[in-house]
Amino acid sequence: MSAIPEPPKILQQRLFYRGRKFNFDVNRLRLPNGAEGDWECIRHPGGSLGVPFTADGQLVLVRQYRFALQGRLLEFPAGTVEAGESPLSTIQREIEEETGYRAKQWQDLGRFPIAPGYSDEYIYAFLARDLEKLERPPAQDDDEDIEVVLMSPEEFEEKARSADIIDGKSIASYFLARPFLKG
């Protein structure tokens, strides 16, 4: 079930921070139930995530350093949707940059919010199949510290159960893709 839009009445808008990837604002609002107050929100253009699946039944993940958590996470390749870019073209670019693979088949798995309590960011999830390894993958972004990891769906599920995989967007996207995973 998707959320039915019920916009609040904006009584006062304030922008506190304009960043490279997101903005942060605090607004005085009147909610649909009549409550008034100040609410903070991270404004994000959205992200795209791919669940790359090889012909021999392996998932392609990345182990990526995440400064906010001060450690490396196992996750599916993903990236911020840039201005003028579609979510599909974002993940096509990101998979090539982060994994060195190119997918010939794409399936839209839908979208979902990441943290609706304080952000308007949605993740657009895609299943990427019919992968080919690129001879010359594009360079990774300077701020990325990434290792490519292959694993079976069974290994992925075990690592998610044991908390070796804790990335919520990757776990959610895997279960959206799961009915379509065939070797």
C-alpha atoms as a PDB file:
ATOM      1  CA  MET A   1       0.000   0.000   0.000  1.00  0.00           C
ATOM      2  CA  SER A   2       1.448   3.387  -0.881  1.00  0.00           C
ATOM      3  CA  ALA A   3       1.036   6.560   1.129  1.00  0.00           C
ATOM      4  CA  ILE A   4      -1.773   8.850   0.013  1.00  0.00           C
ATOM      5  CA  PRO A   5      -0.423  12.407  -0.207  1.00  0.00           C
ATOM      6  CA  GLU A   6      -1.788  14.707   2.499  1.00  0.00           C
ATOM      7  CA  PRO A   7       0.492  17.735   2.395  1.00  0.00           C
ATOM      8  CA  PRO A   8       0.692  19.883   5.507  1.00  0.00           C
ATOM      9  CA  LYS A   9       0.103  23.626   5.367  1.00  0.00           C
ATOM     10  CA  ILE A  10       3.478  25.358   5.311  1.00  0.00           C
ATOM     11  CA  LEU A  11       3.389  28.266   7.731  1.00  0.00           C
ATOM     12  CA  GLN A  12       7.076  29.168   7.435  1.00  0.00           C
ATOM     13  CA  GLN A  13       9.932  27.699   5.367  1.00  0.00           C
ATOM     14  CA  ARG A  14      13.567  27.810   6.420  1.00  0.00           C
ATOM     15  CA  LEU A  15      16.631  26.243   4.821  1.00  0.00           C
ATOM     16  CA  PHE A  16      19.416  25.527   7.283  1.00  0.00           C
ATOM     17  CA  TYR A  17      21.905  23.754   5.043  1.00  0.00           C
ATOM     18  CA  ARG A  18      22.446  23.278   1.313  1.00  0.00           C
ATOM     19  CA  GLY A  19      24.864  20.434   0.666  1.00  0.00           C
ATOM     20  CA  ARG A  20      26.379  18.483  -2.187  1.00  0.00           C
ATOM     21  CA  LYS A  21      24.002  15.514  -1.822  1.00  0.00           C
ATOM     22  CA  PHE A  22      21.104  16.860   0.233  1.00  0.00           C
ATOM     23  CA  ASN A  23      19.540  19.904   1.876  1.00  0.00           C
ATOM     24  CA  PHE A  24      18.291  20.220   5.433  1.00  0.00           C
ATOM     25  CA  ASP A  25      15.351  22.399   6.308  1.00  0.00           C
ATOM     26  CA  VAL A  26      13.151  23.176   9.275  1.00  0.00           C
ATOM     27  CA  ASN A  27       9.612  24.252   8.548  1.00  0.00           C
ATOM     28  CA  ARG A  28       6.759  25.474  10.667  1.00  0.00           C
ATOM     29  CA  LEU A  29       3.827  23.298   9.590  1.00  0.00           C
ATOM     30  CA  ARG A  30       0.186  22.630  10.297  1.00  0.00           C
ATOM     31  CA  LEU A  31      -0.404  18.894   9.872  1.00  0.00           C
ATOM     32  CA  PRO A  32      -3.646  17.467   8.443  1.00  0.00           C
ATOM     33  CA  ASN A  33      -4.801  16.730  12.027  1.00  0.00           C
ATOM     34  CA  GLY A  34      -4.391  20.430  12.941  1.00  0.00           C
ATOM     35  CA  ALA A  35      -1.206  20.071  15.027  1.00  0.00           C
ATOM     36  CA  GLU A  36       1.342  22.862  14.492  1.00  0.00           C
ATOM     37  CA  GLY A  37       5.069  22.766  15.077  1.00  0.00           C
ATOM     38  CA  ASP A  38       8.566  22.813  13.630  1.00  0.00           C
ATOM     39  CA  TRP A  39       9.660  19.746  11.660  1.00  0.00           C
ATOM     40  CA  GLU A  40      13.139  19.001  10.335  1.00  0.00           C
ATOM     41  CA  CYS A  41      13.583  17.254   7.005  1.00  0.00           C
ATOM     42  CA  ILE A  42      16.492  16.059   4.917  1.00  0.00           C
ATOM     43  CA  ARG A  43      15.632  16.834   1.277  1.00  0.00           C
ATOM     44  CA  HIS A  44      17.266  14.290  -1.027  1.00  0.00           C
ATOM     45  CA  PRO A  45      16.887  13.789  -4.807  1.00  0.00           C
ATOM     46  CA  GLY A  46      16.553  10.027  -4.356  1.00  0.00           C
ATOM     47  CA  GLY A  47      18.800   7.093  -4.958  1.00  0.00           C
ATOM     48  CA  SER A  48      18.889   4.088  -7.250  1.00  0.00           C
ATOM     49  CA  LEU A  49      19.945   0.593  -6.234  1.00  0.00           C
ATOM     50  CA  GLY A  50      20.630  -2.435  -8.384  1.00  0.00           C
ATOM     51  CA  VAL A  51      20.442  -6.108  -7.468  1.00  0.00           C
ATOM     52  CA  PRO A  52      22.964  -7.513  -9.976  1.00  0.00           C
ATOM     53  CA  PHE A  53      22.470 -11.237 -10.632  1.00  0.00           C
ATOM     54  CA  THR A  54      24.911 -13.269 -12.717  1.00  0.00           C
ATOM     55  CA  ALA A  55      24.012 -16.095 -15.123  1.00  0.00           C
ATOM     56  CA  ASP A  56      25.594 -18.585 -12.698  1.00  0.00           C
ATOM     57  CA  GLY A  57      23.347 -17.489  -9.824  1.00  0.00           C
ATOM     58  CA  GLN A  58      25.598 -15.075  -7.930  1.00  0.00           C
ATOM     59  CA  LEU A  59      24.622 -11.725  -6.479  1.00  0.00           C
ATOM     60  CA  VAL A  60      27.131  -8.911  -6.985  1.00  0.00           C
ATOM     61  CA  LEU A  61      27.564  -6.771  -3.877  1.00  0.00           C
ATOM     62  CA  VAL A  62      30.075  -4.195  -2.749  1.00  0.00           C
ATOM     63  CA  ARG A  63      31.822  -3.863   0.585  1.00  0.00           C
ATOM     64  CA  GLN A  64      31.957  -0.100   0.943  1.00  0.00           C
ATOM     65  CA  TYR A  65      33.401   2.189   3.591  1.00  0.00           C
ATOM     66  CA  ARG A  66      30.647   4.344   5.111  1.00  0.00           C
ATOM     67  CA  PHE A  67      32.069   7.241   7.124  1.00  0.00           C
ATOM     68  CA  ALA A  68      28.830   7.896   9.061  1.00  0.00           C
ATOM     69  CA  LEU A  69      28.974   4.351  10.505  1.00  0.00           C
ATOM     70  CA  GLN A  70      32.794   4.324  10.647  1.00  0.00           C
ATOM     71  CA  GLY A  71      33.029   0.972   8.941  1.00  0.00           C
ATOM     72  CA  ARG A  72      32.481  -1.133   5.851  1.00  0.00           C
ATOM     73  CA  LEU A  73      29.011  -2.359   4.845  1.00  0.00           C
ATOM     74  CA  LEU A  74      28.070  -5.157   2.474  1.00  0.00           C
ATOM     75  CA  GLU A  75      25.437  -3.715   0.181  1.00  0.00           C
ATOM     76  CA  PHE A  76      24.169  -3.655  -3.375  1.00  0.00           C
ATOM     77  CA  PRO A  77      25.561  -0.949  -5.669  1.00  0.00           C
ATOM     78  CA  ALA A  78      23.625   2.287  -5.393  1.00  0.00           C
ATOM     79  CA  GLY A  79      23.930   5.993  -6.018  1.00  0.00           C
ATOM     80  CA  THR A  80      22.257   9.369  -5.862  1.00  0.00           C
ATOM     81  CA  VAL A  81      20.034  10.348  -8.782  1.00  0.00           C
ATOM     82  CA  GLU A  82      21.797  13.337 -10.357  1.00  0.00           C
ATOM     83  CA  ALA A  83      19.944  16.343 -11.823  1.00  0.00           C
ATOM     84  CA  GLY A  84      18.526  15.485 -15.260  1.00  0.00           C
ATOM     85  CA  GLU A  85      19.176  11.763 -14.784  1.00  0.00           C
ATOM     86  CA  SER A  86      16.548   9.014 -14.556  1.00  0.00           C
ATOM     87  CA  PRO A  87      16.751   6.466 -11.729  1.00  0.00           C
ATOM     88  CA  LEU A  88      17.484   3.744 -14.324  1.00  0.00           C
ATOM     89  CA  SER A  89      20.380   5.641 -15.908  1.00  0.00           C
ATOM     90  CA  THR A  90      21.729   6.341 -12.401  1.00  0.00           C
ATOM     91  CA  ILE A  91      21.959   2.667 -11.490  1.00  0.00           C
ATOM     92  CA  GLN A  92      23.287   1.683 -14.897  1.00  0.00           C
ATOM     93  CA  ARG A  93      26.167   4.126 -14.350  1.00  0.00           C
ATOM     94  CA  GLU A  94      26.696   3.123 -10.724  1.00  0.00           C
ATOM     95  CA  ILE A  95      26.862  -0.627 -11.402  1.00  0.00           C
ATOM     96  CA  GLU A  96      29.540  -0.077 -14.028  1.00  0.00           C
ATOM     97  CA  GLU A  97      31.549   2.256 -11.775  1.00  0.00           C
ATOM     98  CA  GLU A  98      31.218   0.252  -8.559  1.00  0.00           C
ATOM     99  CA  THR A  99      31.333  -3.342  -9.806  1.00  0.00           C
ATOM    100  CA  GLY A 100      32.840  -3.352 -13.304  1.00  0.00           C
ATOM    101  CA  TYR A 101      29.760  -5.132 -14.713  1.00  0.00           C
ATOM    102  CA  ARG A 102      27.199  -4.023 -17.271  1.00  0.00           C
ATOM    103  CA  ALA A 103      23.666  -5.442 -17.315  1.00  0.00           C
ATOM    104  CA  LYS A 104      21.716  -6.037 -20.526  1.00  0.00           C
ATOM    105  CA  GLN A 105      18.369  -6.744 -18.815  1.00  0.00           C
ATOM    106  CA  TRP A 106      16.701  -4.466 -16.280  1.00  0.00           C
ATOM    107  CA  GLN A 107      13.570  -4.971 -14.245  1.00  0.00           C
ATOM    108  CA  ASP A 108      11.976  -2.182 -12.214  1.00  0.00           C
ATOM    109  CA  LEU A 109      11.273  -3.454  -8.679  1.00  0.00           C
ATOM    110  CA  GLY A 110       9.559  -0.285  -7.439  1.00  0.00           C
ATOM    111  CA  ARG A 111      10.512   2.410  -4.975  1.00  0.00           C
ATOM    112  CA  PHE A 112      10.378   2.844  -1.214  1.00  0.00           C
ATOM    113  CA  PRO A 113      11.237   5.550   1.333  1.00  0.00           C
ATOM    114  CA  ILE A 114      14.420   5.143   3.374  1.00  0.00           C
ATOM    115  CA  ALA A 115      13.678   7.117   6.553  1.00  0.00           C
ATOM    116  CA  PRO A 116      10.250   8.797   6.237  1.00  0.00           C
ATOM    117  CA  GLY A 117      10.418  10.178   9.777  1.00  0.00           C
ATOM    118  CA  TYR A 118      13.031  12.753   8.747  1.00  0.00           C
ATOM    119  CA  SER A 119      13.810  12.455   5.022  1.00  0.00           C
ATOM    120  CA  ASP A 120      11.948  12.575   1.702  1.00  0.00           C
ATOM    121  CA  GLU A 121      14.450  10.221   0.025  1.00  0.00           C
ATOM    122  CA  TYR A 122      13.150   7.306  -2.036  1.00  0.00           C
ATOM    123  CA  ILE A 123      15.212   4.392  -3.307  1.00  0.00           C
ATOM    124  CA  TYR A 124      14.384   3.147  -6.804  1.00  0.00           C
ATOM    125  CA  ALA A 125      15.227  -0.557  -6.944  1.00  0.00           C
ATOM    126  CA  PHE A 126      16.105  -2.539 -10.068  1.00  0.00           C
ATOM    127  CA  LEU A 127      17.057  -6.118 -10.839  1.00  0.00           C
ATOM    128  CA  ALA A 128      20.050  -6.240 -13.195  1.00  0.00           C
ATOM    129  CA  ARG A 129      20.543  -9.458 -15.196  1.00  0.00           C
ATOM    130  CA  ASP A 130      22.494 -10.735 -18.168  1.00  0.00           C
ATOM    131  CA  LEU A 131      25.692  -9.237 -16.767  1.00  0.00           C
ATOM    132  CA  GLU A 132      28.941  -8.884 -18.651  1.00  0.00           C
ATOM    133  CA  LYS A 133      32.282  -8.092 -17.039  1.00  0.00           C
ATOM    134  CA  LEU A 134      33.727  -4.906 -18.514  1.00  0.00           C
ATOM    135  CA  GLU A 135      37.287  -5.020 -19.840  1.00  0.00           C
ATOM    136  CA  ARG A 136      37.816  -1.407 -18.806  1.00  0.00           C
ATOM    137  CA  PRO A 137      35.408  -0.398 -16.059  1.00  0.00           C
ATOM    138  CA  PRO A 138      34.929   3.336 -15.443  1.00  0.00           C
ATOM    139  CA  ALA A 139      36.910   4.809 -12.574  1.00  0.00           C
ATOM    140  CA  GLN A 140      35.256   4.820  -9.178  1.00  0.00           C
ATOM    141  CA  ASP A 141      34.517   8.172  -7.581  1.00  0.00           C
ATOM    142  CA  ASP A 142      37.422   9.522  -5.511  1.00  0.00           C
ATOM    143  CA  ASP A 143      35.442   9.249  -2.272  1.00  0.00           C
ATOM    144  CA  GLU A 144      34.564   5.562  -2.747  1.00  0.00           C
ATOM    145  CA  ASP A 145      36.459   2.712  -1.091  1.00  0.00           C
ATOM    146  CA  ILE A 146      34.840  -0.389  -2.599  1.00  0.00           C
ATOM    147  CA  GLU A 147      35.518  -4.124  -2.872  1.00  0.00           C
ATOM    148  CA  VAL A 148      33.315  -6.316  -5.114  1.00  0.00           C
ATOM    149  CA  VAL A 149      31.869  -9.416  -3.407  1.00  0.00           C
ATOM    150  CA  LEU A 150      29.988 -12.281  -5.094  1.00  0.00           C
ATOM    151  CA  MET A 151      27.645 -14.541  -3.140  1.00  0.00           C
ATOM    152  CA  SER A 152      24.684 -16.835  -3.643  1.00  0.00           C
ATOM    153  CA  PRO A 153      21.173 -15.809  -2.611  1.00  0.00           C
ATOM    154  CA  GLU A 154      21.388 -18.378   0.199  1.00  0.00           C
ATOM    155  CA  GLU A 155      24.596 -16.774   1.485  1.00  0.00           C
ATOM    156  CA  PHE A 156      22.973 -13.330   1.285  1.00  0.00           C
ATOM    157  CA  GLU A 157      19.997 -14.475   3.363  1.00  0.00           C
ATOM    158  CA  GLU A 158      22.259 -16.118   5.951  1.00  0.00           C
ATOM    159  CA  LYS A 159      24.396 -12.968   6.225  1.00  0.00           C
ATOM    160  CA  ALA A 160      21.251 -10.846   6.610  1.00  0.00           C
ATOM    161  CA  ARG A 161      19.958 -13.156   9.380  1.00  0.00           C
ATOM    162  CA  SER A 162      23.313 -13.075  11.199  1.00  0.00           C
ATOM    163  CA  ALA A 163      23.604  -9.255  10.865  1.00  0.00           C
ATOM    164  CA  ASP A 164      26.671  -9.436   8.596  1.00  0.00           C
ATOM    165  CA  ILE A 165      24.492  -7.519   6.128  1.00  0.00           C
ATOM    166  CA  ILE A 166      22.726  -4.664   7.920  1.00  0.00           C
ATOM    167  CA  ASP A 167      22.019  -2.264   5.050  1.00  0.00           C
ATOM    168  CA  GLY A 168      18.238  -1.864   5.025  1.00  0.00           C
ATOM    169  CA  LYS A 169      17.949  -0.735   1.401  1.00  0.00           C
ATOM    170  CA  SER A 170      19.891  -3.807   0.247  1.00  0.00           C
ATOM    171  CA  ILE A 171      17.826  -6.218   2.335  1.00  0.00           C
ATOM    172  CA  ALA A 172      14.528  -4.667   1.189  1.00  0.00           C
ATOM    173  CA  SER A 173      15.612  -4.667  -2.479  1.00  0.00           C
ATOM    174  CA  TYR A 174      16.791  -8.274  -2.291  1.00  0.00           C
ATOM    175  CA  PHE A 175      13.353  -9.390  -1.119  1.00  0.00           C
ATOM    176  CA  LEU A 176      11.707  -7.388  -3.914  1.00  0.00           C
ATOM    177  CA  ALA A 177      13.996  -9.168  -6.401  1.00  0.00           C
ATOM    178  CA  ARG A 178      13.877 -12.627  -4.809  1.00  0.00           C
ATOM    179  CA  PRO A 179      10.841 -13.960  -6.753  1.00  0.00           C
ATOM    180  CA  PHE A 180      12.714 -13.229 -10.020  1.00  0.00           C
ATOM    181  CA  LEU A 181      16.099 -14.761  -9.099  1.00  0.00           C
ATOM    182  CA  LYS A 182      16.840 -17.840 -11.165  1.00  0.00           C
ATOM    183  CA  GLY A 183      20.234 -19.201 -12.109  1.00  0.00           C
END
